[in-house]
Amino acid sequence: MEEKKSGKAHSIAWTDRTQGRVTGVTDVLSFDESSVVLETEQGMLTIKGKNLHIGRLTLEQGEADVDGHVDSIVYSGSRAAKKGSLLRRIFR
């Protein structure tokens, strides 16, 4: 049986490039002082910077608070792109 995700809304709120809240988080893939990689409802989200810390993480509610100096926030991939294999998309 396949586990269904709840489909929580995704948002990002940042203050002065030092404090932020991300919602719609489904998993934390990696983190250290220079980067945080989150899986969200809208795809992978990479936050790069200095002295980054995850202050609060609640996967049940899909929320994460990140502190530190942020240099960039980048999305890669999307939830829609994960549907079907590469070969299936090529040979439609």
PDB file of N, CA and C in Angstrom:
ATOM      1  N   MET A   1       0.838  -1.174   0.000  1.00  0.00           N
ATOM      2  CA  MET A   1       0.000   0.000   0.000  1.00  0.00           C
ATOM      3  C   MET A   1       0.889   1.246   0.000  1.00  0.00           C
ATOM      4  N   GLU A   2       0.565   2.215  -0.824  1.00  0.00           N
ATOM      5  CA  GLU A   2       1.349   3.427  -0.952  1.00  0.00           C
ATOM      6  C   GLU A   2       0.919   4.445   0.098  1.00  0.00           C
ATOM      7  N   GLU A   3       1.914   5.071   0.730  1.00  0.00           N
ATOM      8  CA  GLU A   3       1.618   6.089   1.726  1.00  0.00           C
ATOM      9  C   GLU A   3       1.298   7.397   1.015  1.00  0.00           C
ATOM     10  N   LYS A   4       0.196   8.052   1.403  1.00  0.00           N
ATOM     11  CA  LYS A   4      -0.189   9.315   0.780  1.00  0.00           C
ATOM     12  C   LYS A   4       0.281  10.467   1.647  1.00  0.00           C
ATOM     13  N   LYS A   5       0.778  11.509   1.006  1.00  0.00           N
ATOM     14  CA  LYS A   5       1.188  12.715   1.712  1.00  0.00           C
ATOM     15  C   LYS A   5      -0.026  13.611   1.879  1.00  0.00           C
ATOM     16  N   SER A   6       0.003  14.446   2.889  1.00  0.00           N
ATOM     17  CA  SER A   6      -1.159  15.248   3.223  1.00  0.00           C
ATOM     18  C   SER A   6      -1.369  16.432   2.291  1.00  0.00           C
ATOM     19  N   GLY A   7      -0.375  16.840   1.531  1.00  0.00           N
ATOM     20  CA  GLY A   7      -0.536  17.955   0.610  1.00  0.00           C
ATOM     21  C   GLY A   7      -0.626  19.292   1.316  1.00  0.00           C
ATOM     22  N   LYS A   8       0.195  19.514   2.322  1.00  0.00           N
ATOM     23  CA  LYS A   8       0.194  20.774   3.055  1.00  0.00           C
ATOM     24  C   LYS A   8       0.691  21.907   2.155  1.00  0.00           C
ATOM     25  N   ALA A   9       0.199  23.092   2.404  1.00  0.00           N
ATOM     26  CA  ALA A   9       0.628  24.267   1.644  1.00  0.00           C
ATOM     27  C   ALA A   9       2.100  24.553   1.925  1.00  0.00           C
ATOM     28  N   HIS A  10       2.787  25.076   0.909  1.00  0.00           N
ATOM     29  CA  HIS A  10       4.210  25.387   1.039  1.00  0.00           C
ATOM     30  C   HIS A  10       4.397  26.897   1.007  1.00  0.00           C
ATOM     31  N   SER A  11       5.186  27.406   1.944  1.00  0.00           N
ATOM     32  CA  SER A  11       5.508  28.832   1.945  1.00  0.00           C
ATOM     33  C   SER A  11       6.869  29.057   2.584  1.00  0.00           C
ATOM     34  N   ILE A  12       7.446  30.213   2.266  1.00  0.00           N
ATOM     35  CA  ILE A  12       8.727  30.624   2.851  1.00  0.00           C
ATOM     36  C   ILE A  12       8.555  32.054   3.348  1.00  0.00           C
ATOM     37  N   ALA A  13       8.991  32.306   4.568  1.00  0.00           N
ATOM     38  CA  ALA A  13       8.994  33.665   5.123  1.00  0.00           C
ATOM     39  C   ALA A  13      10.376  33.908   5.710  1.00  0.00           C
ATOM     40  N   TRP A  14      11.030  34.988   5.282  1.00  0.00           N
ATOM     41  CA  TRP A  14      12.387  35.269   5.752  1.00  0.00           C
ATOM     42  C   TRP A  14      12.474  36.687   6.270  1.00  0.00           C
ATOM     43  N   THR A  15      13.246  36.891   7.345  1.00  0.00           N
ATOM     44  CA  THR A  15      13.441  38.207   7.928  1.00  0.00           C
ATOM     45  C   THR A  15      14.924  38.531   7.963  1.00  0.00           C
ATOM     46  N   ASP A  16      15.307  39.604   7.300  1.00  0.00           N
ATOM     47  CA  ASP A  16      16.684  40.119   7.308  1.00  0.00           C
ATOM     48  C   ASP A  16      17.744  39.082   6.950  1.00  0.00           C
ATOM     49  N   ARG A  17      17.398  38.101   6.121  1.00  0.00           N
ATOM     50  CA  ARG A  17      18.334  37.056   5.689  1.00  0.00           C
ATOM     51  C   ARG A  17      18.943  36.287   6.862  1.00  0.00           C
ATOM     52  N   THR A  18      18.326  36.349   8.050  1.00  0.00           N
ATOM     53  CA  THR A  18      18.893  35.660   9.211  1.00  0.00           C
ATOM     54  C   THR A  18      17.917  34.700   9.880  1.00  0.00           C
ATOM     55  N   GLN A  19      16.621  34.900   9.729  1.00  0.00           N
ATOM     56  CA  GLN A  19      15.632  34.026  10.350  1.00  0.00           C
ATOM     57  C   GLN A  19      14.541  33.718   9.345  1.00  0.00           C
ATOM     58  N   GLY A  20      14.191  32.426   9.247  1.00  0.00           N
ATOM     59  CA  GLY A  20      13.158  32.065   8.294  1.00  0.00           C
ATOM     60  C   GLY A  20      12.332  30.890   8.746  1.00  0.00           C
ATOM     61  N   ARG A  21      11.160  30.785   8.148  1.00  0.00           N
ATOM     62  CA  ARG A  21      10.261  29.663   8.398  1.00  0.00           C
ATOM     63  C   ARG A  21       9.832  29.104   7.053  1.00  0.00           C
ATOM     64  N   VAL A  22       9.908  27.779   6.940  1.00  0.00           N
ATOM     65  CA  VAL A  22       9.491  27.084   5.736  1.00  0.00           C
ATOM     66  C   VAL A  22       8.360  26.145   6.124  1.00  0.00           C
ATOM     67  N   THR A  23       7.250  26.190   5.386  1.00  0.00           N
ATOM     68  CA  THR A  23       6.153  25.254   5.618  1.00  0.00           C
ATOM     69  C   THR A  23       6.013  24.348   4.404  1.00  0.00           C
ATOM     70  N   GLY A  24       5.300  23.261   4.566  1.00  0.00           N
ATOM     71  CA  GLY A  24       5.160  22.292   3.494  1.00  0.00           C
ATOM     72  C   GLY A  24       6.373  21.380   3.383  1.00  0.00           C
ATOM     73  N   VAL A  25       7.137  21.263   4.472  1.00  0.00           N
ATOM     74  CA  VAL A  25       8.344  20.424   4.501  1.00  0.00           C
ATOM     75  C   VAL A  25       7.921  18.973   4.736  1.00  0.00           C
ATOM     76  N   THR A  26       8.413  18.078   3.885  1.00  0.00           N
ATOM     77  CA  THR A  26       8.095  16.655   4.051  1.00  0.00           C
ATOM     78  C   THR A  26       9.278  15.857   4.589  1.00  0.00           C
ATOM     79  N   ASP A  27      10.519  16.380   4.418  1.00  0.00           N
ATOM     80  CA  ASP A  27      11.698  15.658   4.902  1.00  0.00           C
ATOM     81  C   ASP A  27      12.895  16.591   4.905  1.00  0.00           C
ATOM     82  N   VAL A  28      13.862  16.312   5.777  1.00  0.00           N
ATOM     83  CA  VAL A  28      15.145  17.000   5.776  1.00  0.00           C
ATOM     84  C   VAL A  28      16.157  16.018   5.209  1.00  0.00           C
ATOM     85  N   LEU A  29      16.743  16.357   4.055  1.00  0.00           N
ATOM     86  CA  LEU A  29      17.667  15.442   3.401  1.00  0.00           C
ATOM     87  C   LEU A  29      19.087  15.596   3.913  1.00  0.00           C
ATOM     88  N   SER A  30      19.521  16.830   4.194  1.00  0.00           N
ATOM     89  CA  SER A  30      20.843  17.050   4.779  1.00  0.00           C
ATOM     90  C   SER A  30      20.902  18.457   5.349  1.00  0.00           C
ATOM     91  N   PHE A  31      21.835  18.635   6.283  1.00  0.00           N
ATOM     92  CA  PHE A  31      22.054  19.977   6.820  1.00  0.00           C
ATOM     93  C   PHE A  31      23.419  20.039   7.481  1.00  0.00           C
ATOM     94  N   ASP A  32      24.047  21.185   7.372  1.00  0.00           N
ATOM     95  CA  ASP A  32      25.257  21.521   8.106  1.00  0.00           C
ATOM     96  C   ASP A  32      25.294  23.047   8.213  1.00  0.00           C
ATOM     97  N   GLU A  33      26.404  23.606   8.641  1.00  0.00           N
ATOM     98  CA  GLU A  33      26.456  25.050   8.850  1.00  0.00           C
ATOM     99  C   GLU A  33      26.435  25.862   7.567  1.00  0.00           C
ATOM    100  N   SER A  34      26.676  25.217   6.408  1.00  0.00           N
ATOM    101  CA  SER A  34      26.702  25.964   5.154  1.00  0.00           C
ATOM    102  C   SER A  34      25.530  25.660   4.224  1.00  0.00           C
ATOM    103  N   SER A  35      24.758  24.597   4.485  1.00  0.00           N
ATOM    104  CA  SER A  35      23.606  24.320   3.625  1.00  0.00           C
ATOM    105  C   SER A  35      22.562  23.471   4.347  1.00  0.00           C
ATOM    106  N   VAL A  36      21.322  23.678   3.946  1.00  0.00           N
ATOM    107  CA  VAL A  36      20.194  22.894   4.433  1.00  0.00           C
ATOM    108  C   VAL A  36      19.411  22.461   3.198  1.00  0.00           C
ATOM    109  N   VAL A  37      19.161  21.160   3.058  1.00  0.00           N
ATOM    110  CA  VAL A  37      18.402  20.644   1.921  1.00  0.00           C
ATOM    111  C   VAL A  37      17.117  20.018   2.451  1.00  0.00           C
ATOM    112  N   LEU A  38      15.988  20.595   2.028  1.00  0.00           N
ATOM    113  CA  LEU A  38      14.671  20.156   2.476  1.00  0.00           C
ATOM    114  C   LEU A  38      13.878  19.626   1.295  1.00  0.00           C
ATOM    115  N   GLU A  39      13.100  18.578   1.523  1.00  0.00           N
ATOM    116  CA  GLU A  39      12.118  18.154   0.530  1.00  0.00           C
ATOM    117  C   GLU A  39      10.814  18.828   0.923  1.00  0.00           C
ATOM    118  N   THR A  40      10.207  19.545  -0.027  1.00  0.00           N
ATOM    119  CA  THR A  40       8.966  20.259   0.251  1.00  0.00           C
ATOM    120  C   THR A  40       7.882  19.770  -0.705  1.00  0.00           C
ATOM    121  N   GLU A  41       6.694  20.268  -0.509  1.00  0.00           N
ATOM    122  CA  GLU A  41       5.571  19.942  -1.389  1.00  0.00           C
ATOM    123  C   GLU A  41       5.810  20.440  -2.806  1.00  0.00           C
ATOM    124  N   GLN A  42       6.732  21.389  -2.989  1.00  0.00           N
ATOM    125  CA  GLN A  42       7.007  21.968  -4.306  1.00  0.00           C
ATOM    126  C   GLN A  42       8.355  21.542  -4.882  1.00  0.00           C
ATOM    127  N   GLY A  43       9.012  20.563  -4.290  1.00  0.00           N
ATOM    128  CA  GLY A  43      10.307  20.084  -4.780  1.00  0.00           C
ATOM    129  C   GLY A  43      11.399  20.268  -3.745  1.00  0.00           C
ATOM    130  N   MET A  44      12.629  19.984  -4.154  1.00  0.00           N
ATOM    131  CA  MET A  44      13.769  20.121  -3.260  1.00  0.00           C
ATOM    132  C   MET A  44      14.101  21.601  -3.084  1.00  0.00           C
ATOM    133  N   LEU A  45      14.400  21.983  -1.848  1.00  0.00           N
ATOM    134  CA  LEU A  45      14.737  23.355  -1.521  1.00  0.00           C
ATOM    135  C   LEU A  45      16.106  23.352  -0.857  1.00  0.00           C
ATOM    136  N   THR A  46      17.070  24.058  -1.459  1.00  0.00           N
ATOM    137  CA  THR A  46      18.422  24.151  -0.903  1.00  0.00           C
ATOM    138  C   THR A  46      18.647  25.563  -0.409  1.00  0.00           C
ATOM    139  N   ILE A  47      19.012  25.678   0.859  1.00  0.00           N
ATOM    140  CA  ILE A  47      19.316  26.965   1.476  1.00  0.00           C
ATOM    141  C   ILE A  47      20.806  26.965   1.752  1.00  0.00           C
ATOM    142  N   LYS A  48      21.536  27.942   1.196  1.00  0.00           N
ATOM    143  CA  LYS A  48      22.977  28.032   1.411  1.00  0.00           C
ATOM    144  C   LYS A  48      23.299  29.317   2.145  1.00  0.00           C
ATOM    145  N   GLY A  49      24.323  29.241   3.001  1.00  0.00           N
ATOM    146  CA  GLY A  49      24.721  30.410   3.759  1.00  0.00           C
ATOM    147  C   GLY A  49      25.821  30.086   4.748  1.00  0.00           C
ATOM    148  N   LYS A  50      25.826  30.828   5.858  1.00  0.00           N
ATOM    149  CA  LYS A  50      26.838  30.650   6.901  1.00  0.00           C
ATOM    150  C   LYS A  50      26.145  30.511   8.254  1.00  0.00           C
ATOM    151  N   ASN A  51      26.704  29.661   9.091  1.00  0.00           N
ATOM    152  CA  ASN A  51      26.189  29.455  10.450  1.00  0.00           C
ATOM    153  C   ASN A  51      24.705  29.093  10.467  1.00  0.00           C
ATOM    154  N   LEU A  52      24.284  28.226   9.543  1.00  0.00           N
ATOM    155  CA  LEU A  52      22.881  27.827   9.463  1.00  0.00           C
ATOM    156  C   LEU A  52      22.557  26.791  10.532  1.00  0.00           C
ATOM    157  N   HIS A  53      21.395  26.946  11.142  1.00  0.00           N
ATOM    158  CA  HIS A  53      20.909  26.022  12.172  1.00  0.00           C
ATOM    159  C   HIS A  53      19.414  25.812  11.974  1.00  0.00           C
ATOM    160  N   ILE A  54      18.974  24.593  12.172  1.00  0.00           N
ATOM    161  CA  ILE A  54      17.536  24.333  12.185  1.00  0.00           C
ATOM    162  C   ILE A  54      17.094  24.467  13.635  1.00  0.00           C
ATOM    163  N   GLY A  55      16.373  25.549  13.916  1.00  0.00           N
ATOM    164  CA  GLY A  55      15.960  25.826  15.286  1.00  0.00           C
ATOM    165  C   GLY A  55      14.793  24.976  15.739  1.00  0.00           C
ATOM    166  N   ARG A  56      13.824  24.782  14.857  1.00  0.00           N
ATOM    167  CA  ARG A  56      12.631  24.009  15.185  1.00  0.00           C
ATOM    168  C   ARG A  56      12.233  23.230  13.949  1.00  0.00           C
ATOM    169  N   LEU A  57      11.941  21.960  14.135  1.00  0.00           N
ATOM    170  CA  LEU A  57      11.517  21.107  13.034  1.00  0.00           C
ATOM    171  C   LEU A  57      10.334  20.276  13.495  1.00  0.00           C
ATOM    172  N   THR A  58       9.221  20.396  12.787  1.00  0.00           N
ATOM    173  CA  THR A  58       8.026  19.617  13.087  1.00  0.00           C
ATOM    174  C   THR A  58       7.532  19.029  11.782  1.00  0.00           C
ATOM    175  N   LEU A  59       7.963  17.804  11.468  1.00  0.00           N
ATOM    176  CA  LEU A  59       7.553  17.180  10.208  1.00  0.00           C
ATOM    177  C   LEU A  59       6.074  16.836  10.195  1.00  0.00           C
ATOM    178  N   GLU A  60       5.485  16.560  11.361  1.00  0.00           N
ATOM    179  CA  GLU A  60       4.062  16.268  11.416  1.00  0.00           C
ATOM    180  C   GLU A  60       3.241  17.450  10.906  1.00  0.00           C
ATOM    181  N   GLN A  61       3.708  18.668  11.209  1.00  0.00           N
ATOM    182  CA  GLN A  61       3.027  19.873  10.743  1.00  0.00           C
ATOM    183  C   GLN A  61       3.678  20.428   9.482  1.00  0.00           C
ATOM    184  N   GLY A  62       4.828  19.872   9.093  1.00  0.00           N
ATOM    185  CA  GLY A  62       5.513  20.308   7.885  1.00  0.00           C
ATOM    186  C   GLY A  62       6.193  21.656   8.018  1.00  0.00           C
ATOM    187  N   GLU A  63       6.748  21.958   9.203  1.00  0.00           N
ATOM    188  CA  GLU A  63       7.363  23.266   9.436  1.00  0.00           C
ATOM    189  C   GLU A  63       8.805  23.137   9.882  1.00  0.00           C
ATOM    190  N   ALA A  64       9.637  24.101   9.425  1.00  0.00           N
ATOM    191  CA  ALA A  64      11.036  24.166   9.856  1.00  0.00           C
ATOM    192  C   ALA A  64      11.421  25.629  10.004  1.00  0.00           C
ATOM    193  N   ASP A  65      12.114  25.953  11.086  1.00  0.00           N
ATOM    194  CA  ASP A  65      12.671  27.288  11.300  1.00  0.00           C
ATOM    195  C   ASP A  65      14.172  27.195  11.099  1.00  0.00           C
ATOM    196  N   VAL A  66      14.727  28.116  10.310  1.00  0.00           N
ATOM    197  CA  VAL A  66      16.155  28.116  10.005  1.00  0.00           C
ATOM    198  C   VAL A  66      16.727  29.466  10.403  1.00  0.00           C
ATOM    199  N   ASP A  67      17.853  29.447  11.119  1.00  0.00           N
ATOM    200  CA  ASP A  67      18.552  30.658  11.535  1.00  0.00           C
ATOM    201  C   ASP A  67      19.945  30.658  10.928  1.00  0.00           C
ATOM    202  N   GLY A  68      20.511  31.850  10.707  1.00  0.00           N
ATOM    203  CA  GLY A  68      21.849  32.006  10.170  1.00  0.00           C
ATOM    204  C   GLY A  68      21.820  32.987   9.013  1.00  0.00           C
ATOM    205  N   HIS A  69      22.977  33.258   8.430  1.00  0.00           N
ATOM    206  CA  HIS A  69      23.066  34.186   7.307  1.00  0.00           C
ATOM    207  C   HIS A  69      22.812  33.429   6.005  1.00  0.00           C
ATOM    208  N   VAL A  70      21.760  33.809   5.289  1.00  0.00           N
ATOM    209  CA  VAL A  70      21.365  33.114   4.061  1.00  0.00           C
ATOM    210  C   VAL A  70      21.931  33.848   2.850  1.00  0.00           C
ATOM    211  N   ASP A  71      22.631  33.081   1.979  1.00  0.00           N
ATOM    212  CA  ASP A  71      23.151  33.627   0.730  1.00  0.00           C
ATOM    213  C   ASP A  71      22.252  33.290  -0.446  1.00  0.00           C
ATOM    214  N   SER A  72      21.623  32.098  -0.437  1.00  0.00           N
ATOM    215  CA  SER A  72      20.754  31.726  -1.556  1.00  0.00           C
ATOM    216  C   SER A  72      19.711  30.706  -1.127  1.00  0.00           C
ATOM    217  N   ILE A  73      18.595  30.728  -1.845  1.00  0.00           N
ATOM    218  CA  ILE A  73      17.511  29.760  -1.680  1.00  0.00           C
ATOM    219  C   ILE A  73      17.159  29.295  -3.087  1.00  0.00           C
ATOM    220  N   VAL A  74      17.329  27.993  -3.339  1.00  0.00           N
ATOM    221  CA  VAL A  74      17.148  27.470  -4.695  1.00  0.00           C
ATOM    222  C   VAL A  74      16.260  26.240  -4.675  1.00  0.00           C
ATOM    223  N   TYR A  75      15.283  26.216  -5.602  1.00  0.00           N
ATOM    224  CA  TYR A  75      14.461  25.023  -5.810  1.00  0.00           C
ATOM    225  C   TYR A  75      15.084  24.184  -6.912  1.00  0.00           C
ATOM    226  N   SER A  76      14.968  22.867  -6.779  1.00  0.00           N
ATOM    227  CA  SER A  76      15.366  21.974  -7.861  1.00  0.00           C
ATOM    228  C   SER A  76      14.338  20.865  -7.943  1.00  0.00           C
ATOM    229  N   GLY A  77      13.955  20.539  -9.167  1.00  0.00           N
ATOM    230  CA  GLY A  77      12.933  19.520  -9.350  1.00  0.00           C
ATOM    231  C   GLY A  77      11.587  20.029  -8.886  1.00  0.00           C
ATOM    232  N   SER A  78      10.596  19.170  -9.030  1.00  0.00           N
ATOM    233  CA  SER A  78       9.267  19.496  -8.539  1.00  0.00           C
ATOM    234  C   SER A  78       8.553  18.204  -8.231  1.00  0.00           C
ATOM    235  N   ARG A  79       7.503  18.287  -7.486  1.00  0.00           N
ATOM    236  CA  ARG A  79       6.728  17.091  -7.152  1.00  0.00           C
ATOM    237  C   ARG A  79       6.149  16.485  -8.425  1.00  0.00           C
ATOM    238  N   ALA A  80       5.727  17.315  -9.371  1.00  0.00           N
ATOM    239  CA  ALA A  80       5.138  16.810 -10.617  1.00  0.00           C
ATOM    240  C   ALA A  80       6.162  16.072 -11.453  1.00  0.00           C
ATOM    241  N   ALA A  81       7.427  16.477 -11.393  1.00  0.00           N
ATOM    242  CA  ALA A  81       8.471  15.838 -12.202  1.00  0.00           C
ATOM    243  C   ALA A  81       8.760  14.421 -11.744  1.00  0.00           C
ATOM    244  N   LYS A  82       8.379  14.071 -10.523  1.00  0.00           N
ATOM    245  CA  LYS A  82       8.661  12.740 -10.008  1.00  0.00           C
ATOM    246  C   LYS A  82       7.666  11.698 -10.508  1.00  0.00           C
ATOM    247  N   LYS A  83       6.603  12.110 -11.172  1.00  0.00           N
ATOM    248  CA  LYS A  83       5.592  11.169 -11.635  1.00  0.00           C
ATOM    249  C   LYS A  83       6.065  10.495 -12.903  1.00  0.00           C
ATOM    250  N   GLY A  84       6.154   9.183 -12.909  1.00  0.00           N
ATOM    251  CA  GLY A  84       6.548   8.429 -14.095  1.00  0.00           C
ATOM    252  C   GLY A  84       8.055   8.402 -14.277  1.00  0.00           C
ATOM    253  N   SER A  85       8.497   7.380 -14.960  1.00  0.00           N
ATOM    254  CA  SER A  85       9.927   7.246 -15.198  1.00  0.00           C
ATOM    255  C   SER A  85      10.343   8.087 -16.397  1.00  0.00           C
ATOM    256  N   LEU A  86      11.634   8.265 -16.561  1.00  0.00           N
ATOM    257  CA  LEU A  86      12.171   9.013 -17.685  1.00  0.00           C
ATOM    258  C   LEU A  86      11.786   8.355 -18.998  1.00  0.00           C
ATOM    259  N   LEU A  87      11.915   7.036 -19.073  1.00  0.00           N
ATOM    260  CA  LEU A  87      11.571   6.329 -20.309  1.00  0.00           C
ATOM    261  C   LEU A  87      10.095   6.485 -20.659  1.00  0.00           C
ATOM    262  N   ARG A  88       9.237   6.434 -19.659  1.00  0.00           N
ATOM    263  CA  ARG A  88       7.798   6.591 -19.909  1.00  0.00           C
ATOM    264  C   ARG A  88       7.504   7.982 -20.465  1.00  0.00           C
ATOM    265  N   ARG A  89       8.177   9.009 -19.941  1.00  0.00           N
ATOM    266  CA  ARG A  89       7.941  10.370 -20.440  1.00  0.00           C
ATOM    267  C   ARG A  89       8.490  10.544 -21.842  1.00  0.00           C
ATOM    268  N   ILE A  90       9.587   9.884 -22.190  1.00  0.00           N
ATOM    269  CA  ILE A  90      10.177   9.997 -23.522  1.00  0.00           C
ATOM    270  C   ILE A  90       9.297   9.317 -24.564  1.00  0.00           C
ATOM    271  N   PHE A  91       8.773   8.142 -24.243  1.00  0.00           N
ATOM    272  CA  PHE A  91       8.045   7.336 -25.209  1.00  0.00           C
ATOM    273  C   PHE A  91       6.526   7.465 -25.104  1.00  0.00           C
ATOM    274  N   ARG A  92       6.013   8.600 -24.704  1.00  0.00           N
ATOM    275  CA  ARG A  92       4.563   8.804 -24.650  1.00  0.00           C
ATOM    276  C   ARG A  92       3.977   8.842 -26.023  1.00  0.00           C
TER     277      ARG A  92
END
